[in-house]
């Protein structure tokens, strides 16, 4: 069983950067599928980044600004978010799936104008 604990959210001004971390309690080496979602108030959950092996696809709205990565040796996933905009304000969730389906608890990101 893998548990994911997120950190790194917070309040940032428009144009700023944040890096979300998603720390796994166990080895993630064998779990290849990694996703990041977000959910803004009153809206449906939206897929932000989807990683399948070496390839990551991003939502059009974040392309060129967000980067998803993982360090297996640290059992940690990351979402680097640059040039943040107020419309990026949301709760962000990491997900690992393949051998099981695991979710982080969510990180709140607020971008002020």
C-alpha atoms as a PDB file:
ATOM      1  CA  UNK A   1       0.000   0.000   0.000  1.00  0.00           C
ATOM      2  CA  UNK A   2       1.321   3.427  -0.977  1.00  0.00           C
ATOM      3  CA  UNK A   3       0.278   6.667   0.685  1.00  0.00           C
ATOM      4  CA  UNK A   4       0.901  10.023  -0.962  1.00  0.00           C
ATOM      5  CA  UNK A   5       1.436  13.190   1.066  1.00  0.00           C
ATOM      6  CA  UNK A   6       1.457  16.516  -0.737  1.00  0.00           C
ATOM      7  CA  UNK A   7       3.193  19.730   0.193  1.00  0.00           C
ATOM      8  CA  UNK A   8       4.272  23.012  -1.360  1.00  0.00           C
ATOM      9  CA  UNK A   9       0.988  24.786  -1.926  1.00  0.00           C
ATOM     10  CA  UNK A  10       0.331  28.319  -0.762  1.00  0.00           C
ATOM     11  CA  UNK A  11      -0.358  31.888  -1.760  1.00  0.00           C
ATOM     12  CA  UNK A  12       1.635  33.467  -4.578  1.00  0.00           C
ATOM     13  CA  UNK A  13       1.300  36.586  -6.701  1.00  0.00           C
ATOM     14  CA  UNK A  14       0.532  36.341 -10.385  1.00  0.00           C
ATOM     15  CA  UNK A  15       3.710  35.643 -12.322  1.00  0.00           C
ATOM     16  CA  UNK A  16       5.254  33.737  -9.449  1.00  0.00           C
ATOM     17  CA  UNK A  17       6.196  30.090  -9.078  1.00  0.00           C
ATOM     18  CA  UNK A  18       5.415  27.192  -6.794  1.00  0.00           C
ATOM     19  CA  UNK A  19       6.606  23.609  -6.685  1.00  0.00           C
ATOM     20  CA  UNK A  20       4.265  20.951  -5.391  1.00  0.00           C
ATOM     21  CA  UNK A  21       5.730  17.769  -3.951  1.00  0.00           C
ATOM     22  CA  UNK A  22       4.008  14.420  -3.559  1.00  0.00           C
ATOM     23  CA  UNK A  23       5.909  12.126  -1.195  1.00  0.00           C
ATOM     24  CA  UNK A  24       5.113   8.415  -1.325  1.00  0.00           C
ATOM     25  CA  UNK A  25       5.355   6.186   1.729  1.00  0.00           C
ATOM     26  CA  UNK A  26       6.598   3.254  -0.323  1.00  0.00           C
ATOM     27  CA  UNK A  27       8.516   2.559  -3.477  1.00  0.00           C
ATOM     28  CA  UNK A  28       6.996   4.041  -6.616  1.00  0.00           C
ATOM     29  CA  UNK A  29       9.553   2.575  -8.984  1.00  0.00           C
ATOM     30  CA  UNK A  30       7.124   0.073 -10.499  1.00  0.00           C
ATOM     31  CA  UNK A  31       4.164   2.470 -10.832  1.00  0.00           C
ATOM     32  CA  UNK A  32       4.474   4.151 -14.205  1.00  0.00           C
ATOM     33  CA  UNK A  33       1.361   6.289 -14.518  1.00  0.00           C
ATOM     34  CA  UNK A  34       1.511   9.662 -12.814  1.00  0.00           C
ATOM     35  CA  UNK A  35      -1.125  12.368 -13.064  1.00  0.00           C
ATOM     36  CA  UNK A  36      -1.727  15.785 -11.597  1.00  0.00           C
ATOM     37  CA  UNK A  37      -5.267  17.143 -11.338  1.00  0.00           C
ATOM     38  CA  UNK A  38      -6.742  20.348 -10.051  1.00  0.00           C
ATOM     39  CA  UNK A  39     -10.165  21.392  -8.899  1.00  0.00           C
ATOM     40  CA  UNK A  40     -11.197  25.010  -8.655  1.00  0.00           C
ATOM     41  CA  UNK A  41     -14.124  26.063  -6.451  1.00  0.00           C
ATOM     42  CA  UNK A  42     -17.426  25.135  -8.071  1.00  0.00           C
ATOM     43  CA  UNK A  43     -15.732  23.361 -10.970  1.00  0.00           C
ATOM     44  CA  UNK A  44     -15.032  19.775 -11.971  1.00  0.00           C
ATOM     45  CA  UNK A  45     -11.673  18.158 -11.410  1.00  0.00           C
ATOM     46  CA  UNK A  46      -9.383  18.806 -14.384  1.00  0.00           C
ATOM     47  CA  UNK A  47      -6.391  16.797 -15.592  1.00  0.00           C
ATOM     48  CA  UNK A  48      -3.337  19.069 -15.662  1.00  0.00           C
ATOM     49  CA  UNK A  49      -0.508  16.667 -16.524  1.00  0.00           C
ATOM     50  CA  UNK A  50      -0.446  12.991 -17.442  1.00  0.00           C
ATOM     51  CA  UNK A  51       2.800  11.001 -17.472  1.00  0.00           C
ATOM     52  CA  UNK A  52       3.055   7.600 -19.131  1.00  0.00           C
ATOM     53  CA  UNK A  53       6.615   6.336 -18.918  1.00  0.00           C
ATOM     54  CA  UNK A  54       8.889   8.999 -20.430  1.00  0.00           C
ATOM     55  CA  UNK A  55       6.097  11.074 -21.982  1.00  0.00           C
ATOM     56  CA  UNK A  56       4.066  13.775 -20.281  1.00  0.00           C
ATOM     57  CA  UNK A  57       1.083  15.492 -21.825  1.00  0.00           C
ATOM     58  CA  UNK A  58      -0.185  18.762 -20.430  1.00  0.00           C
ATOM     59  CA  UNK A  59      -3.456  20.618 -20.542  1.00  0.00           C
ATOM     60  CA  UNK A  60      -3.262  23.370 -23.145  1.00  0.00           C
ATOM     61  CA  UNK A  61      -3.762  26.016 -20.480  1.00  0.00           C
ATOM     62  CA  UNK A  62      -0.526  25.059 -18.659  1.00  0.00           C
ATOM     63  CA  UNK A  63       1.774  24.020 -21.512  1.00  0.00           C
ATOM     64  CA  UNK A  64       5.123  25.718 -21.314  1.00  0.00           C
ATOM     65  CA  UNK A  65       4.527  26.832 -17.719  1.00  0.00           C
ATOM     66  CA  UNK A  66       4.063  23.624 -15.716  1.00  0.00           C
ATOM     67  CA  UNK A  67       6.454  20.663 -15.546  1.00  0.00           C
ATOM     68  CA  UNK A  68       5.710  17.298 -13.968  1.00  0.00           C
ATOM     69  CA  UNK A  69       8.597  15.117 -12.847  1.00  0.00           C
ATOM     70  CA  UNK A  70       9.485  12.314 -10.472  1.00  0.00           C
ATOM     71  CA  UNK A  71      12.546  11.154  -8.564  1.00  0.00           C
ATOM     72  CA  UNK A  72      12.151   7.449  -7.911  1.00  0.00           C
ATOM     73  CA  UNK A  73      15.115   7.353  -5.539  1.00  0.00           C
ATOM     74  CA  UNK A  74      13.229   9.806  -3.312  1.00  0.00           C
ATOM     75  CA  UNK A  75       9.788   8.272  -3.981  1.00  0.00           C
ATOM     76  CA  UNK A  76       8.610  11.760  -4.823  1.00  0.00           C
ATOM     77  CA  UNK A  77       6.615  13.398  -7.577  1.00  0.00           C
ATOM     78  CA  UNK A  78       6.839  17.095  -8.405  1.00  0.00           C
ATOM     79  CA  UNK A  79       4.791  19.686 -10.233  1.00  0.00           C
ATOM     80  CA  UNK A  80       6.761  22.835 -11.001  1.00  0.00           C
ATOM     81  CA  UNK A  81       4.415  25.725 -11.766  1.00  0.00           C
ATOM     82  CA  UNK A  82       5.803  28.913 -13.282  1.00  0.00           C
ATOM     83  CA  UNK A  83       4.197  32.129 -14.512  1.00  0.00           C
ATOM     84  CA  UNK A  84       1.177  31.436 -12.378  1.00  0.00           C
ATOM     85  CA  UNK A  85      -2.100  33.150 -13.158  1.00  0.00           C
ATOM     86  CA  UNK A  86      -5.127  33.848 -10.935  1.00  0.00           C
ATOM     87  CA  UNK A  87      -7.107  31.270 -12.925  1.00  0.00           C
ATOM     88  CA  UNK A  88      -4.650  28.622 -11.732  1.00  0.00           C
ATOM     89  CA  UNK A  89      -6.109  28.947  -8.234  1.00  0.00           C
ATOM     90  CA  UNK A  90      -7.324  25.475  -7.228  1.00  0.00           C
ATOM     91  CA  UNK A  91      -6.690  22.429  -5.096  1.00  0.00           C
ATOM     92  CA  UNK A  92      -4.063  20.284  -6.805  1.00  0.00           C
ATOM     93  CA  UNK A  93      -3.908  16.492  -6.476  1.00  0.00           C
ATOM     94  CA  UNK A  94      -1.273  13.956  -7.427  1.00  0.00           C
ATOM     95  CA  UNK A  95      -2.227  10.460  -8.518  1.00  0.00           C
ATOM     96  CA  UNK A  96      -0.226   7.309  -9.130  1.00  0.00           C
ATOM     97  CA  UNK A  97      -1.923   4.360 -10.746  1.00  0.00           C
ATOM     98  CA  UNK A  98      -1.182   1.093 -12.455  1.00  0.00           C
ATOM     99  CA  UNK A  99      -0.462  -1.263  -9.628  1.00  0.00           C
ATOM    100  CA  UNK A 100      -3.193   0.221  -7.454  1.00  0.00           C
ATOM    101  CA  UNK A 101      -4.657   3.705  -7.507  1.00  0.00           C
ATOM    102  CA  UNK A 102      -3.230   6.239  -5.076  1.00  0.00           C
ATOM    103  CA  UNK A 103      -4.123   9.877  -4.453  1.00  0.00           C
ATOM    104  CA  UNK A 104      -2.571  12.713  -2.509  1.00  0.00           C
ATOM    105  CA  UNK A 105      -4.681  14.675  -0.059  1.00  0.00           C
ATOM    106  CA  UNK A 106      -4.542  17.847  -2.145  1.00  0.00           C
ATOM    107  CA  UNK A 107      -2.558  21.085  -1.993  1.00  0.00           C
ATOM    108  CA  UNK A 108      -4.256  24.457  -2.069  1.00  0.00           C
ATOM    109  CA  UNK A 109      -2.771  26.946  -4.515  1.00  0.00           C
ATOM    110  CA  UNK A 110      -3.976  30.538  -4.502  1.00  0.00           C
ATOM    111  CA  UNK A 111      -2.715  33.029  -7.061  1.00  0.00           C
ATOM    112  CA  UNK A 112      -3.454  36.674  -6.369  1.00  0.00           C
ATOM    113  CA  UNK A 113      -3.681  39.301  -9.086  1.00  0.00           C
END
